[in-house]
Amino acid sequence: MEGLETIVLTGLHGERMMMVLNITLPGHSVPLHSHPHEQVGMVYGGKAILRLGDKERIVKKGDFYCVPANVPHSDIALGDEPFIMLDIFYPIREDFIERVEKLKEK
């Protein structure tokens, strides 16, 4: 999606967990979505409104969060810096692996 970048750090070689940098560029957002994966992480940089279920909070560098499986969530980047999340997923995100494989083919 425009304004979003995902960098897979681990989880491509048979691991059961996956670590990913998810970046929301200034002026962009991650639409409300859910997935069957558990997700925990830390804000690595920037600031955003993080929505988890029916609650919203402003998060900034150093804050932690937990997204239970199947809970709708989204973020909206605030300010002029990219919002960077260091995410850990369990189990691994097969959809991310598929994206990485497609990029390798190009």
PDB file of N, CA and C in Angstrom:
ATOM      1  N   MET A   1       0.830  -1.187   0.000  1.00  0.00           N
ATOM      2  CA  MET A   1       0.000   0.000   0.000  1.00  0.00           C
ATOM      3  C   MET A   1       0.876   1.253   0.000  1.00  0.00           C
ATOM      4  N   GLU A   2       0.365   2.282  -0.615  1.00  0.00           N
ATOM      5  CA  GLU A   2       1.107   3.537  -0.663  1.00  0.00           C
ATOM      6  C   GLU A   2       1.306   4.089   0.745  1.00  0.00           C
ATOM      7  N   GLY A   3       2.540   4.517   1.024  1.00  0.00           N
ATOM      8  CA  GLY A   3       2.858   5.101   2.316  1.00  0.00           C
ATOM      9  C   GLY A   3       3.220   4.115   3.396  1.00  0.00           C
ATOM     10  N   LEU A   4       3.246   2.834   3.037  1.00  0.00           N
ATOM     11  CA  LEU A   4       3.575   1.784   3.997  1.00  0.00           C
ATOM     12  C   LEU A   4       4.736   0.955   3.482  1.00  0.00           C
ATOM     13  N   GLU A   5       5.654   0.623   4.381  1.00  0.00           N
ATOM     14  CA  GLU A   5       6.787  -0.230   4.034  1.00  0.00           C
ATOM     15  C   GLU A   5       6.903  -1.331   5.076  1.00  0.00           C
ATOM     16  N   THR A   6       7.239  -2.539   4.629  1.00  0.00           N
ATOM     17  CA  THR A   6       7.433  -3.675   5.518  1.00  0.00           C
ATOM     18  C   THR A   6       8.776  -4.307   5.210  1.00  0.00           C
ATOM     19  N   ILE A   7       9.593  -4.465   6.248  1.00  0.00           N
ATOM     20  CA  ILE A   7      10.894  -5.100   6.101  1.00  0.00           C
ATOM     21  C   ILE A   7      10.920  -6.314   7.017  1.00  0.00           C
ATOM     22  N   VAL A   8      10.972  -7.515   6.433  1.00  0.00           N
ATOM     23  CA  VAL A   8      10.995  -8.749   7.217  1.00  0.00           C
ATOM     24  C   VAL A   8      12.429  -8.982   7.695  1.00  0.00           C
ATOM     25  N   LEU A   9      12.596  -9.065   9.014  1.00  0.00           N
ATOM     26  CA  LEU A   9      13.926  -9.245   9.610  1.00  0.00           C
ATOM     27  C   LEU A   9      14.222 -10.707   9.921  1.00  0.00           C
ATOM     28  N   THR A  10      13.230 -11.448  10.412  1.00  0.00           N
ATOM     29  CA  THR A  10      13.386 -12.883  10.684  1.00  0.00           C
ATOM     30  C   THR A  10      12.081 -13.581  10.337  1.00  0.00           C
ATOM     31  N   GLY A  11      12.149 -14.904  10.197  1.00  0.00           N
ATOM     32  CA  GLY A  11      10.946 -15.684   9.952  1.00  0.00           C
ATOM     33  C   GLY A  11      10.848 -16.248   8.557  1.00  0.00           C
ATOM     34  N   LEU A  12      11.911 -16.118   7.781  1.00  0.00           N
ATOM     35  CA  LEU A  12      11.880 -16.618   6.401  1.00  0.00           C
ATOM     36  C   LEU A  12      12.526 -17.998   6.240  1.00  0.00           C
ATOM     37  N   HIS A  13      13.052 -18.550   7.336  1.00  0.00           N
ATOM     38  CA  HIS A  13      13.830 -19.783   7.218  1.00  0.00           C
ATOM     39  C   HIS A  13      13.369 -20.854   8.206  1.00  0.00           C
ATOM     40  N   GLY A  14      12.060 -21.024   8.318  1.00  0.00           N
ATOM     41  CA  GLY A  14      11.519 -22.097   9.127  1.00  0.00           C
ATOM     42  C   GLY A  14      11.249 -21.741  10.582  1.00  0.00           C
ATOM     43  N   GLU A  15      11.469 -20.492  10.982  1.00  0.00           N
ATOM     44  CA  GLU A  15      11.175 -20.092  12.353  1.00  0.00           C
ATOM     45  C   GLU A  15       9.662 -20.123  12.589  1.00  0.00           C
ATOM     46  N   ARG A  16       9.270 -20.112  13.856  1.00  0.00           N
ATOM     47  CA  ARG A  16       7.844 -20.101  14.190  1.00  0.00           C
ATOM     48  C   ARG A  16       7.348 -18.699  14.533  1.00  0.00           C
ATOM     49  N   MET A  17       8.283 -17.765  14.717  1.00  0.00           N
ATOM     50  CA  MET A  17       7.927 -16.361  14.950  1.00  0.00           C
ATOM     51  C   MET A  17       8.574 -15.527  13.854  1.00  0.00           C
ATOM     52  N   MET A  18       8.066 -14.314  13.696  1.00  0.00           N
ATOM     53  CA  MET A  18       8.583 -13.425  12.655  1.00  0.00           C
ATOM     54  C   MET A  18       8.764 -12.031  13.249  1.00  0.00           C
ATOM     55  N   MET A  19       9.915 -11.410  12.956  1.00  0.00           N
ATOM     56  CA  MET A  19      10.174 -10.034  13.376  1.00  0.00           C
ATOM     57  C   MET A  19      10.192  -9.152  12.129  1.00  0.00           C
ATOM     58  N   VAL A  20       9.478  -8.021  12.213  1.00  0.00           N
ATOM     59  CA  VAL A  20       9.264  -7.169  11.055  1.00  0.00           C
ATOM     60  C   VAL A  20       9.343  -5.700  11.471  1.00  0.00           C
ATOM     61  N   LEU A  21       9.949  -4.872  10.631  1.00  0.00           N
ATOM     62  CA  LEU A  21       9.825  -3.422  10.784  1.00  0.00           C
ATOM     63  C   LEU A  21       8.677  -2.982   9.881  1.00  0.00           C
ATOM     64  N   ASN A  22       7.661  -2.381  10.470  1.00  0.00           N
ATOM     65  CA  ASN A  22       6.549  -1.825   9.706  1.00  0.00           C
ATOM     66  C   ASN A  22       6.635  -0.313   9.804  1.00  0.00           C
ATOM     67  N   ILE A  23       6.647   0.345   8.661  1.00  0.00           N
ATOM     68  CA  ILE A  23       6.847   1.790   8.602  1.00  0.00           C
ATOM     69  C   ILE A  23       5.635   2.437   7.941  1.00  0.00           C
ATOM     70  N   THR A  24       5.046   3.398   8.658  1.00  0.00           N
ATOM     71  CA  THR A  24       3.969   4.209   8.099  1.00  0.00           C
ATOM     72  C   THR A  24       4.554   5.595   7.862  1.00  0.00           C
ATOM     73  N   LEU A  25       4.593   6.020   6.612  1.00  0.00           N
ATOM     74  CA  LEU A  25       5.179   7.314   6.275  1.00  0.00           C
ATOM     75  C   LEU A  25       4.279   8.464   6.732  1.00  0.00           C
ATOM     76  N   PRO A  26       4.873   9.644   6.966  1.00  0.00           N
ATOM     77  CA  PRO A  26       4.077  10.793   7.406  1.00  0.00           C
ATOM     78  C   PRO A  26       2.893  11.034   6.463  1.00  0.00           C
ATOM     79  N   GLY A  27       1.744  11.345   7.058  1.00  0.00           N
ATOM     80  CA  GLY A  27       0.552  11.610   6.269  1.00  0.00           C
ATOM     81  C   GLY A  27      -0.192  10.369   5.811  1.00  0.00           C
ATOM     82  N   HIS A  28       0.249   9.197   6.244  1.00  0.00           N
ATOM     83  CA  HIS A  28      -0.388   7.949   5.828  1.00  0.00           C
ATOM     84  C   HIS A  28      -0.903   7.179   7.040  1.00  0.00           C
ATOM     85  N   SER A  29      -1.647   6.117   6.738  1.00  0.00           N
ATOM     86  CA  SER A  29      -2.187   5.282   7.803  1.00  0.00           C
ATOM     87  C   SER A  29      -2.277   3.833   7.352  1.00  0.00           C
ATOM     88  N   VAL A  30      -2.343   2.945   8.334  1.00  0.00           N
ATOM     89  CA  VAL A  30      -2.613   1.529   8.080  1.00  0.00           C
ATOM     90  C   VAL A  30      -4.110   1.349   8.320  1.00  0.00           C
ATOM     91  N   PRO A  31      -4.850   0.904   7.311  1.00  0.00           N
ATOM     92  CA  PRO A  31      -6.295   0.748   7.487  1.00  0.00           C
ATOM     93  C   PRO A  31      -6.626  -0.290   8.564  1.00  0.00           C
ATOM     94  N   LEU A  32      -7.798  -0.167   9.132  1.00  0.00           N
ATOM     95  CA  LEU A  32      -8.270  -1.119  10.130  1.00  0.00           C
ATOM     96  C   LEU A  32      -8.265  -2.518   9.522  1.00  0.00           C
ATOM     97  N   HIS A  33      -7.631  -3.455  10.211  1.00  0.00           N
ATOM     98  CA  HIS A  33      -7.546  -4.831   9.729  1.00  0.00           C
ATOM     99  C   HIS A  33      -7.354  -5.758  10.927  1.00  0.00           C
ATOM    100  N   SER A  34      -7.446  -7.044  10.694  1.00  0.00           N
ATOM    101  CA  SER A  34      -7.155  -8.030  11.729  1.00  0.00           C
ATOM    102  C   SER A  34      -6.526  -9.243  11.054  1.00  0.00           C
ATOM    103  N   HIS A  35      -5.900 -10.076  11.862  1.00  0.00           N
ATOM    104  CA  HIS A  35      -5.278 -11.301  11.364  1.00  0.00           C
ATOM    105  C   HIS A  35      -5.227 -12.310  12.504  1.00  0.00           C
ATOM    106  N   PRO A  36      -5.068 -13.589  12.175  1.00  0.00           N
ATOM    107  CA  PRO A  36      -5.076 -14.619  13.216  1.00  0.00           C
ATOM    108  C   PRO A  36      -3.772 -14.707  14.018  1.00  0.00           C
ATOM    109  N   HIS A  37      -2.815 -13.867  13.690  1.00  0.00           N
ATOM    110  CA  HIS A  37      -1.506 -13.901  14.350  1.00  0.00           C
ATOM    111  C   HIS A  37      -1.507 -13.042  15.606  1.00  0.00           C
ATOM    112  N   GLU A  38      -0.836 -13.490  16.653  1.00  0.00           N
ATOM    113  CA  GLU A  38      -0.578 -12.645  17.805  1.00  0.00           C
ATOM    114  C   GLU A  38       0.525 -11.681  17.400  1.00  0.00           C
ATOM    115  N   GLN A  39       0.455 -10.450  17.900  1.00  0.00           N
ATOM    116  CA  GLN A  39       1.420  -9.416  17.519  1.00  0.00           C
ATOM    117  C   GLN A  39       1.799  -8.621  18.759  1.00  0.00           C
ATOM    118  N   VAL A  40       3.093  -8.555  19.027  1.00  0.00           N
ATOM    119  CA  VAL A  40       3.596  -7.684  20.085  1.00  0.00           C
ATOM    120  C   VAL A  40       4.689  -6.829  19.471  1.00  0.00           C
ATOM    121  N   GLY A  41       4.921  -5.667  20.049  1.00  0.00           N
ATOM    122  CA  GLY A  41       5.955  -4.843  19.460  1.00  0.00           C
ATOM    123  C   GLY A  41       6.275  -3.615  20.269  1.00  0.00           C
ATOM    124  N   MET A  42       7.180  -2.838  19.681  1.00  0.00           N
ATOM    125  CA  MET A  42       7.649  -1.609  20.288  1.00  0.00           C
ATOM    126  C   MET A  42       7.719  -0.544  19.208  1.00  0.00           C
ATOM    127  N   VAL A  43       7.383   0.674  19.597  1.00  0.00           N
ATOM    128  CA  VAL A  43       7.520   1.796  18.662  1.00  0.00           C
ATOM    129  C   VAL A  43       9.003   2.134  18.590  1.00  0.00           C
ATOM    130  N   TYR A  44       9.553   1.993  17.405  1.00  0.00           N
ATOM    131  CA  TYR A  44      10.976   2.196  17.160  1.00  0.00           C
ATOM    132  C   TYR A  44      11.287   3.651  16.814  1.00  0.00           C
ATOM    133  N   GLY A  45      10.287   4.350  16.277  1.00  0.00           N
ATOM    134  CA  GLY A  45      10.485   5.750  15.917  1.00  0.00           C
ATOM    135  C   GLY A  45       9.174   6.402  15.544  1.00  0.00           C
ATOM    136  N   GLY A  46       9.110   7.722  15.714  1.00  0.00           N
ATOM    137  CA  GLY A  46       7.931   8.476  15.331  1.00  0.00           C
ATOM    138  C   GLY A  46       6.823   8.419  16.363  1.00  0.00           C
ATOM    139  N   LYS A  47       5.636   8.812  15.905  1.00  0.00           N
ATOM    140  CA  LYS A  47       4.480   8.938  16.789  1.00  0.00           C
ATOM    141  C   LYS A  47       3.236   8.654  15.961  1.00  0.00           C
ATOM    142  N   ALA A  48       2.215   8.039  16.580  1.00  0.00           N
ATOM    143  CA  ALA A  48       0.995   7.704  15.841  1.00  0.00           C
ATOM    144  C   ALA A  48      -0.180   7.538  16.787  1.00  0.00           C
ATOM    145  N   ILE A  49      -1.368   7.568  16.199  1.00  0.00           N
ATOM    146  CA  ILE A  49      -2.566   7.124  16.898  1.00  0.00           C
ATOM    147  C   ILE A  49      -2.686   5.635  16.598  1.00  0.00           C
ATOM    148  N   LEU A  50      -2.674   4.812  17.624  1.00  0.00           N
ATOM    149  CA  LEU A  50      -2.781   3.360  17.481  1.00  0.00           C
ATOM    150  C   LEU A  50      -4.163   2.950  17.967  1.00  0.00           C
ATOM    151  N   ARG A  51      -4.903   2.303  17.098  1.00  0.00           N
ATOM    152  CA  ARG A  51      -6.233   1.810  17.468  1.00  0.00           C
ATOM    153  C   ARG A  51      -6.157   0.307  17.658  1.00  0.00           C
ATOM    154  N   LEU A  52      -6.618  -0.158  18.815  1.00  0.00           N
ATOM    155  CA  LEU A  52      -6.700  -1.582  19.129  1.00  0.00           C
ATOM    156  C   LEU A  52      -8.122  -1.872  19.574  1.00  0.00           C
ATOM    157  N   GLY A  53      -8.857  -2.585  18.754  1.00  0.00           N
ATOM    158  CA  GLY A  53     -10.257  -2.822  19.064  1.00  0.00           C
ATOM    159  C   GLY A  53     -11.001  -1.511  19.087  1.00  0.00           C
ATOM    160  N   ASP A  54     -11.691  -1.210  20.196  1.00  0.00           N
ATOM    161  CA  ASP A  54     -12.450   0.034  20.283  1.00  0.00           C
ATOM    162  C   ASP A  54     -11.717   1.111  21.077  1.00  0.00           C
ATOM    163  N   LYS A  55     -10.411   0.915  21.306  1.00  0.00           N
ATOM    164  CA  LYS A  55      -9.622   1.892  22.057  1.00  0.00           C
ATOM    165  C   LYS A  55      -8.551   2.510  21.163  1.00  0.00           C
ATOM    166  N   GLU A  56      -8.274   3.790  21.414  1.00  0.00           N
ATOM    167  CA  GLU A  56      -7.204   4.499  20.709  1.00  0.00           C
ATOM    168  C   GLU A  56      -6.268   5.127  21.723  1.00  0.00           C
ATOM    169  N   ARG A  57      -4.994   5.181  21.354  1.00  0.00           N
ATOM    170  CA  ARG A  57      -4.026   5.897  22.189  1.00  0.00           C
ATOM    171  C   ARG A  57      -2.912   6.419  21.307  1.00  0.00           C
ATOM    172  N   ILE A  58      -2.268   7.469  21.776  1.00  0.00           N
ATOM    173  CA  ILE A  58      -1.109   7.993  21.060  1.00  0.00           C
ATOM    174  C   ILE A  58       0.120   7.249  21.577  1.00  0.00           C
ATOM    175  N   VAL A  59       0.913   6.733  20.640  1.00  0.00           N
ATOM    176  CA  VAL A  59       2.133   6.008  20.996  1.00  0.00           C
ATOM    177  C   VAL A  59       3.326   6.713  20.369  1.00  0.00           C
ATOM    178  N   LYS A  60       4.477   6.575  21.032  1.00  0.00           N
ATOM    179  CA  LYS A  60       5.710   7.211  20.566  1.00  0.00           C
ATOM    180  C   LYS A  60       6.874   6.269  20.815  1.00  0.00           C
ATOM    181  N   LYS A  61       8.044   6.667  20.346  1.00  0.00           N
ATOM    182  CA  LYS A  61       9.250   5.856  20.473  1.00  0.00           C
ATOM    183  C   LYS A  61       9.406   5.331  21.901  1.00  0.00           C
ATOM    184  N   GLY A  62       9.632   4.014  21.995  1.00  0.00           N
ATOM    185  CA  GLY A  62       9.832   3.363  23.283  1.00  0.00           C
ATOM    186  C   GLY A  62       8.591   2.723  23.866  1.00  0.00           C
ATOM    187  N   ASP A  63       7.393   3.044  23.340  1.00  0.00           N
ATOM    188  CA  ASP A  63       6.161   2.447  23.845  1.00  0.00           C
ATOM    189  C   ASP A  63       6.008   1.016  23.323  1.00  0.00           C
ATOM    190  N   PHE A  64       5.370   0.175  24.133  1.00  0.00           N
ATOM    191  CA  PHE A  64       5.089  -1.219  23.769  1.00  0.00           C
ATOM    192  C   PHE A  64       3.589  -1.389  23.557  1.00  0.00           C
ATOM    193  N   TYR A  65       3.226  -2.432  22.821  1.00  0.00           N
ATOM    194  CA  TYR A  65       1.816  -2.734  22.577  1.00  0.00           C
ATOM    195  C   TYR A  65       1.667  -4.227  22.324  1.00  0.00           C
ATOM    196  N   CYS A  66       0.449  -4.707  22.500  1.00  0.00           N
ATOM    197  CA  CYS A  66       0.119  -6.104  22.247  1.00  0.00           C
ATOM    198  C   CYS A  66      -1.194  -6.140  21.488  1.00  0.00           C
ATOM    199  N   VAL A  67      -1.204  -6.846  20.363  1.00  0.00           N
ATOM    200  CA  VAL A  67      -2.410  -6.992  19.557  1.00  0.00           C
ATOM    201  C   VAL A  67      -2.791  -8.476  19.576  1.00  0.00           C
ATOM    202  N   PRO A  68      -3.822  -8.829  20.341  1.00  0.00           N
ATOM    203  CA  PRO A  68      -4.250 -10.234  20.342  1.00  0.00           C
ATOM    204  C   PRO A  68      -4.729 -10.663  18.954  1.00  0.00           C
ATOM    205  N   ALA A  69      -4.711 -11.956  18.709  1.00  0.00           N
ATOM    206  CA  ALA A  69      -5.180 -12.499  17.434  1.00  0.00           C
ATOM    207  C   ALA A  69      -6.609 -12.042  17.162  1.00  0.00           C
ATOM    208  N   ASN A  70      -6.865 -11.704  15.911  1.00  0.00           N
ATOM    209  CA  ASN A  70      -8.197 -11.358  15.396  1.00  0.00           C
ATOM    210  C   ASN A  70      -8.787 -10.045  15.933  1.00  0.00           C
ATOM    211  N   VAL A  71      -7.999  -9.219  16.607  1.00  0.00           N
ATOM    212  CA  VAL A  71      -8.486  -7.929  17.089  1.00  0.00           C
ATOM    213  C   VAL A  71      -8.226  -6.873  16.013  1.00  0.00           C
ATOM    214  N   PRO A  72      -9.251  -6.145  15.577  1.00  0.00           N
ATOM    215  CA  PRO A  72      -9.051  -5.100  14.577  1.00  0.00           C
ATOM    216  C   PRO A  72      -8.112  -4.015  15.120  1.00  0.00           C
ATOM    217  N   HIS A  73      -7.192  -3.546  14.264  1.00  0.00           N
ATOM    218  CA  HIS A  73      -6.230  -2.524  14.675  1.00  0.00           C
ATOM    219  C   HIS A  73      -5.790  -1.715  13.465  1.00  0.00           C
ATOM    220  N   SER A  74      -5.285  -0.489  13.759  1.00  0.00           N
ATOM    221  CA  SER A  74      -4.817   0.404  12.700  1.00  0.00           C
ATOM    222  C   SER A  74      -3.900   1.438  13.320  1.00  0.00           C
ATOM    223  N   ASP A  75      -3.233   2.222  12.471  1.00  0.00           N
ATOM    224  CA  ASP A  75      -2.457   3.356  12.968  1.00  0.00           C
ATOM    225  C   ASP A  75      -2.529   4.513  11.987  1.00  0.00           C
ATOM    226  N   ILE A  76      -2.333   5.711  12.539  1.00  0.00           N
ATOM    227  CA  ILE A  76      -2.264   6.936  11.745  1.00  0.00           C
ATOM    228  C   ILE A  76      -1.000   7.663  12.170  1.00  0.00           C
ATOM    229  N   ALA A  77      -0.046   7.829  11.245  1.00  0.00           N
ATOM    230  CA  ALA A  77       1.211   8.512  11.563  1.00  0.00           C
ATOM    231  C   ALA A  77       0.931   9.977  11.894  1.00  0.00           C
ATOM    232  N   LEU A  78       1.590  10.464  12.932  1.00  0.00           N
ATOM    233  CA  LEU A  78       1.473  11.863  13.344  1.00  0.00           C
ATOM    234  C   LEU A  78       2.817  12.561  13.155  1.00  0.00           C
ATOM    235  N   GLY A  79       2.786  13.816  12.783  1.00  0.00           N
ATOM    236  CA  GLY A  79       4.016  14.585  12.660  1.00  0.00           C
ATOM    237  C   GLY A  79       4.728  14.368  11.342  1.00  0.00           C
ATOM    238  N   ASP A  80       5.999  14.785  11.317  1.00  0.00           N
ATOM    239  CA  ASP A  80       6.795  14.757  10.084  1.00  0.00           C
ATOM    240  C   ASP A  80       7.732  13.573   9.970  1.00  0.00           C
ATOM    241  N   GLU A  81       7.789  12.718  10.976  1.00  0.00           N
ATOM    242  CA  GLU A  81       8.678  11.558  10.955  1.00  0.00           C
ATOM    243  C   GLU A  81       7.897  10.293  10.618  1.00  0.00           C
ATOM    244  N   PRO A  82       8.542   9.319   9.994  1.00  0.00           N
ATOM    245  CA  PRO A  82       7.879   8.033   9.789  1.00  0.00           C
ATOM    246  C   PRO A  82       7.568   7.377  11.137  1.00  0.00           C
ATOM    247  N   PHE A  83       6.456   6.675  11.192  1.00  0.00           N
ATOM    248  CA  PHE A  83       6.094   5.885  12.365  1.00  0.00           C
ATOM    249  C   PHE A  83       6.627   4.482  12.129  1.00  0.00           C
ATOM    250  N   ILE A  84       7.542   4.040  12.986  1.00  0.00           N
ATOM    251  CA  ILE A  84       8.225   2.759  12.785  1.00  0.00           C
ATOM    252  C   ILE A  84       7.911   1.830  13.956  1.00  0.00           C
ATOM    253  N   MET A  85       7.381   0.665  13.626  1.00  0.00           N
ATOM    254  CA  MET A  85       7.023  -0.338  14.625  1.00  0.00           C
ATOM    255  C   MET A  85       7.908  -1.565  14.422  1.00  0.00           C
ATOM    256  N   LEU A  86       8.496  -2.047  15.506  1.00  0.00           N
ATOM    257  CA  LEU A  86       9.221  -3.318  15.483  1.00  0.00           C
ATOM    258  C   LEU A  86       8.233  -4.362  15.974  1.00  0.00           C
ATOM    259  N   ASP A  87       7.691  -5.164  15.057  1.00  0.00           N
ATOM    260  CA  ASP A  87       6.636  -6.129  15.356  1.00  0.00           C
ATOM    261  C   ASP A  87       7.173  -7.546  15.415  1.00  0.00           C
ATOM    262  N   ILE A  88       6.611  -8.317  16.341  1.00  0.00           N
ATOM    263  CA  ILE A  88       6.875  -9.752  16.399  1.00  0.00           C
ATOM    264  C   ILE A  88       5.527 -10.447  16.261  1.00  0.00           C
ATOM    265  N   PHE A  89       5.450 -11.376  15.303  1.00  0.00           N
ATOM    266  CA  PHE A  89       4.220 -12.110  15.023  1.00  0.00           C
ATOM    267  C   PHE A  89       4.401 -13.589  15.363  1.00  0.00           C
ATOM    268  N   TYR A  90       3.334 -14.184  15.885  1.00  0.00           N
ATOM    269  CA  TYR A  90       3.284 -15.628  16.079  1.00  0.00           C
ATOM    270  C   TYR A  90       1.907 -16.101  15.669  1.00  0.00           C
ATOM    271  N   PRO A  91       1.823 -17.104  14.823  1.00  0.00           N
ATOM    272  CA  PRO A  91       2.928 -17.677  14.054  1.00  0.00           C
ATOM    273  C   PRO A  91       3.374 -16.719  12.954  1.00  0.00           C
ATOM    274  N   ILE A  92       4.297 -17.167  12.132  1.00  0.00           N
ATOM    275  CA  ILE A  92       4.820 -16.310  11.069  1.00  0.00           C
ATOM    276  C   ILE A  92       3.713 -15.888  10.106  1.00  0.00           C
ATOM    277  N   ARG A  93       3.913 -14.759   9.465  1.00  0.00           N
ATOM    278  CA  ARG A  93       2.946 -14.231   8.498  1.00  0.00           C
ATOM    279  C   ARG A  93       3.277 -14.791   7.115  1.00  0.00           C
ATOM    280  N   GLU A  94       2.511 -15.783   6.704  1.00  0.00           N
ATOM    281  CA  GLU A  94       2.723 -16.387   5.384  1.00  0.00           C
ATOM    282  C   GLU A  94       2.553 -15.350   4.272  1.00  0.00           C
ATOM    283  N   ASP A  95       1.647 -14.383   4.469  1.00  0.00           N
ATOM    284  CA  ASP A  95       1.434 -13.354   3.441  1.00  0.00           C
ATOM    285  C   ASP A  95       2.685 -12.497   3.261  1.00  0.00           C
ATOM    286  N   PHE A  96       3.434 -12.257   4.342  1.00  0.00           N
ATOM    287  CA  PHE A  96       4.688 -11.506   4.222  1.00  0.00           C
ATOM    288  C   PHE A  96       5.734 -12.326   3.466  1.00  0.00           C
ATOM    289  N   ILE A  97       5.796 -13.622   3.738  1.00  0.00           N
ATOM    290  CA  ILE A  97       6.744 -14.494   3.030  1.00  0.00           C
ATOM    291  C   ILE A  97       6.435 -14.493   1.534  1.00  0.00           C
ATOM    292  N   GLU A  98       5.156 -14.563   1.187  1.00  0.00           N
ATOM    293  CA  GLU A  98       4.765 -14.539  -0.228  1.00  0.00           C
ATOM    294  C   GLU A  98       5.210 -13.244  -0.900  1.00  0.00           C
ATOM    295  N   ARG A  99       5.057 -12.110  -0.204  1.00  0.00           N
ATOM    296  CA  ARG A  99       5.494 -10.821  -0.766  1.00  0.00           C
ATOM    297  C   ARG A  99       6.993 -10.792  -1.004  1.00  0.00           C
ATOM    298  N   VAL A 100       7.763 -11.316  -0.033  1.00  0.00           N
ATOM    299  CA  VAL A 100       9.216 -11.345  -0.165  1.00  0.00           C
ATOM    300  C   VAL A 100       9.614 -12.208  -1.351  1.00  0.00           C
ATOM    301  N   GLU A 101       8.960 -13.356  -1.504  1.00  0.00           N
ATOM    302  CA  GLU A 101       9.263 -14.263  -2.619  1.00  0.00           C
ATOM    303  C   GLU A 101       8.952 -13.600  -3.961  1.00  0.00           C
ATOM    304  N   LYS A 102       7.852 -12.872  -4.049  1.00  0.00           N
ATOM    305  CA  LYS A 102       7.502 -12.184  -5.300  1.00  0.00           C
ATOM    306  C   LYS A 102       8.518 -11.105  -5.629  1.00  0.00           C
ATOM    307  N   LEU A 103       9.010 -10.396  -4.624  1.00  0.00           N
ATOM    308  CA  LEU A 103      10.038  -9.367  -4.865  1.00  0.00           C
ATOM    309  C   LEU A 103      11.326  -9.986  -5.372  1.00  0.00           C
ATOM    310  N   LYS A 104      11.676 -11.176  -4.877  1.00  0.00           N
ATOM    311  CA  LYS A 104      12.898 -11.872  -5.318  1.00  0.00           C
ATOM    312  C   LYS A 104      12.798 -12.254  -6.793  1.00  0.00           C
ATOM    313  N   GLU A 105      11.589 -12.564  -7.250  1.00  0.00           N
ATOM    314  CA  GLU A 105      11.377 -12.993  -8.639  1.00  0.00           C
ATOM    315  C   GLU A 105      11.570 -11.853  -9.629  1.00  0.00           C
ATOM    316  N   LYS A 106      11.405 -10.613  -9.184  1.00  0.00           N
ATOM    317  CA  LYS A 106      11.502  -9.463 -10.093  1.00  0.00           C
ATOM    318  C   LYS A 106      12.914  -9.116 -10.429  1.00  0.00           C
TER     319      LYS A 106
END
